[in-house]
């Protein structure tokens, strides 16, 4: 089954997460099917904290993909923010 979850990147004590669609049997940071955005928990000032490709997330959910609990929380957070901040580049 496909699941939408976060894959950790960045350096020690400075996390950066890619939001990806992947097979749930694969390890967290291994290969993925598609990158759907990113989350930077340490964003300050003008840095972008959360960016999502909402169309692709909707596609994967329609195909039966599950969401991790943290990604579900981030999607709710993104829905509250103006659409310009979460638009894909």
Protein backbone atom coordinates (compact mmCIF):
# COMPACT_ATOMS: atom_id res chain seq x y z
CA UNK A 1 0.00 0.00 0.00
CA UNK A 2 1.13 3.53 -0.74
CA UNK A 3 1.48 5.92 2.18
CA UNK A 4 2.21 9.64 2.30
CA UNK A 5 4.81 10.34 4.98
CA UNK A 6 7.91 12.36 5.77
CA UNK A 7 11.48 11.36 4.91
CA UNK A 8 14.15 13.04 7.04
CA UNK A 9 17.01 14.98 5.54
CA UNK A 10 19.26 17.77 6.71
CA UNK A 11 22.14 17.51 9.12
CA UNK A 12 22.46 16.58 12.76
CA UNK A 13 20.15 18.71 14.96
CA UNK A 14 18.89 20.57 11.85
CA UNK A 15 16.08 18.44 10.41
CA UNK A 16 14.46 18.99 7.02
CA UNK A 17 11.69 16.71 5.83
CA UNK A 18 10.51 15.78 2.35
CA UNK A 19 6.86 14.80 2.15
CA UNK A 20 6.77 11.77 -0.12
CA UNK A 21 4.50 9.04 -1.46
CA UNK A 22 6.15 5.67 -0.85
CA UNK A 23 5.48 2.00 -0.25
CA UNK A 24 4.73 1.55 3.45
CA UNK A 25 7.09 -1.45 3.65
CA UNK A 26 10.17 0.62 2.78
CA UNK A 27 12.36 2.23 5.44
CA UNK A 28 11.70 5.91 6.23
CA UNK A 29 14.55 7.47 4.26
CA UNK A 30 14.82 5.01 1.38
CA UNK A 31 13.54 5.57 -2.15
CA UNK A 32 10.12 6.99 -2.82
CA UNK A 33 7.59 7.12 -5.64
CA UNK A 34 7.06 10.88 -5.76
CA UNK A 35 8.07 13.95 -3.77
CA UNK A 36 4.99 15.93 -2.77
CA UNK A 37 6.51 18.83 -0.86
CA UNK A 38 8.68 19.68 2.11
CA UNK A 39 8.50 20.73 5.76
CA UNK A 40 11.17 22.83 7.46
CA UNK A 41 10.44 22.92 11.21
CA UNK A 42 13.31 25.34 11.86
CA UNK A 43 12.20 28.01 9.34
CA UNK A 44 12.76 31.58 10.49
CA UNK A 45 11.87 34.93 8.99
CA UNK A 46 11.14 34.74 5.27
CA UNK A 47 12.01 31.05 4.93
CA UNK A 48 9.21 28.78 3.73
CA UNK A 49 8.11 26.39 6.49
CA UNK A 50 5.71 24.18 4.55
CA UNK A 51 5.21 23.64 0.82
CA UNK A 52 2.82 21.07 -0.64
CA UNK A 53 1.75 19.96 -4.11
CA UNK A 54 -1.91 19.74 -3.15
CA UNK A 55 -3.11 18.43 -6.55
CA UNK A 56 -0.74 15.46 -6.35
CA UNK A 57 -1.61 14.76 -2.70
CA UNK A 58 -5.28 14.71 -3.66
CA UNK A 59 -4.45 12.32 -6.53
CA UNK A 60 -2.65 9.87 -4.24
CA UNK A 61 -5.43 9.99 -1.64
CA UNK A 62 -7.95 9.25 -4.41
CA UNK A 63 -5.81 6.27 -5.43
CA UNK A 64 -6.09 4.89 -1.88
CA UNK A 65 -2.90 6.18 -0.26
CA UNK A 66 -2.87 6.50 3.51
CA UNK A 67 -1.52 9.43 5.50
CA UNK A 68 0.86 9.36 8.43
CA UNK A 69 -0.47 11.16 11.49
CA UNK A 70 2.06 14.00 11.19
CA UNK A 71 1.33 14.56 7.50
CA UNK A 72 -2.41 14.65 8.24
CA UNK A 73 -1.72 17.36 10.83
CA UNK A 74 0.38 19.34 8.35
CA UNK A 75 -2.38 19.12 5.72
CA UNK A 76 -4.88 20.57 8.19
CA UNK A 77 -2.40 23.33 9.02
CA UNK A 78 -1.89 24.10 5.33
CA UNK A 79 -5.66 24.31 4.78
CA UNK A 80 -5.84 27.10 7.39
CA UNK A 81 -3.06 29.15 5.77
CA UNK A 82 -3.52 31.28 2.64
CA UNK A 83 -3.12 29.25 -0.56
CA UNK A 84 -0.17 31.33 -1.80
CA UNK A 85 2.14 30.08 0.96
CA UNK A 86 1.51 26.38 0.25
CA UNK A 87 1.50 26.58 -3.56
CA UNK A 88 4.05 24.45 -5.36
CA UNK A 89 6.82 26.20 -7.26
